[in-house]
Amino acid sequence: MTIDTTHSLQVRLDEATIRKAERLAALRGRSVSELLAELIEHLVGDDKEYEAHQGNALAEMADGYRLGGQMRAAREAWHQR
């Protein structure tokens, strides 16, 4: 026995949009519900991917880049306090 972990969601759309969605679903051999679920899953996946890339970029910025230069003087020598 499998457990269904999906939930229903009600969406309100104008009639013209519903008709277009029904035609698109029919052309793809799917239901409107399946099309919407696929789109939402894609958007959520993109968001997770963005967050992963953002985390990597922030980590790189925190580490900084080694550009091969050499420190020729201590910081204190350049900045009088």
Protein backbone atom coordinates (compact mmCIF):
# COMPACT_ATOMS: atom_id res chain seq x y z
CA MET A 1 0.00 0.00 0.00
CA THR A 2 1.40 3.40 -0.97
CA ILE A 3 0.65 6.56 0.93
CA ASP A 4 -0.35 9.61 -1.12
CA THR A 5 1.59 12.59 0.23
CA THR A 6 0.16 15.10 -2.24
CA HIS A 7 -2.36 17.77 -1.32
CA SER A 8 -4.83 19.65 -3.46
CA LEU A 9 -4.52 23.34 -4.21
CA GLN A 10 -7.21 25.61 -5.57
CA VAL A 11 -6.22 28.23 -8.14
CA ARG A 12 -8.50 30.90 -9.58
CA LEU A 13 -7.91 31.86 -13.21
CA ASP A 14 -9.95 33.66 -15.83
CA GLU A 15 -11.79 31.50 -18.36
CA ALA A 16 -9.52 32.38 -21.29
CA THR A 17 -6.44 31.28 -19.36
CA ILE A 18 -8.15 28.05 -18.31
CA ARG A 19 -9.07 27.26 -21.94
CA LYS A 20 -5.49 27.91 -23.08
CA ALA A 21 -4.14 25.73 -20.27
CA GLU A 22 -6.56 22.93 -21.19
CA ARG A 23 -5.46 23.08 -24.83
CA LEU A 24 -1.79 23.07 -23.86
CA ALA A 25 -2.33 20.15 -21.49
CA ALA A 26 -4.17 18.21 -24.21
CA LEU A 27 -1.36 18.84 -26.70
CA ARG A 28 1.15 17.50 -24.18
CA GLY A 29 -1.03 14.57 -23.16
CA ARG A 30 -1.28 15.77 -19.59
CA SER A 31 -3.82 17.29 -17.26
CA VAL A 32 -3.82 20.96 -16.27
CA SER A 33 -3.06 19.84 -12.73
CA GLU A 34 0.02 17.93 -13.93
CA LEU A 35 1.21 20.97 -15.92
CA LEU A 36 0.87 23.26 -12.92
CA ALA A 37 2.56 20.77 -10.59
CA GLU A 38 5.47 20.42 -13.03
CA LEU A 39 5.84 24.19 -13.33
CA ILE A 40 5.76 24.75 -9.58
CA GLU A 41 8.30 21.95 -9.00
CA HIS A 42 10.55 23.54 -11.63
CA LEU A 43 10.29 26.97 -9.95
CA VAL A 44 11.03 25.51 -6.53
CA GLY A 45 13.99 23.61 -7.97
CA ASP A 46 15.34 26.80 -9.54
CA ASP A 47 15.05 28.54 -6.18
CA LYS A 48 17.00 25.76 -4.43
CA GLU A 49 19.67 25.90 -7.13
CA TYR A 50 19.90 29.68 -6.77
CA GLU A 51 20.31 29.37 -3.00
CA ALA A 52 23.07 26.79 -3.46
CA HIS A 53 24.95 29.04 -5.90
CA GLN A 54 24.44 32.04 -3.64
CA GLY A 55 25.92 30.11 -0.70
CA ASN A 56 28.94 29.15 -2.79
CA ALA A 57 29.46 32.73 -3.94
CA LEU A 58 29.20 34.09 -0.40
CA ALA A 59 31.73 31.52 0.81
CA GLU A 60 34.14 32.51 -1.96
CA MET A 61 33.76 36.20 -1.07
CA ALA A 62 34.41 35.44 2.59
CA ASP A 63 37.61 33.55 1.69
CA GLY A 64 38.75 36.13 -0.84
CA TYR A 65 40.97 35.47 -3.81
CA ARG A 66 44.72 35.00 -3.73
CA LEU A 67 46.03 37.13 -6.57
CA GLY A 68 49.70 36.39 -6.04
CA GLY A 69 50.73 39.76 -4.63
CA GLN A 70 53.02 40.19 -1.65
CA MET A 71 52.58 42.38 1.38
CA ARG A 72 55.60 44.72 1.41
CA ALA A 73 54.70 46.48 4.61
CA ALA A 74 52.58 45.86 7.64
CA ARG A 75 49.13 47.41 7.69
CA GLU A 76 50.17 49.77 10.46
CA ALA A 77 52.89 51.26 8.25
CA TRP A 78 50.31 52.31 5.67
CA HIS A 79 47.74 53.67 8.13
CA GLN A 80 48.78 56.05 10.87
CA ARG A 81 46.56 56.07 13.88
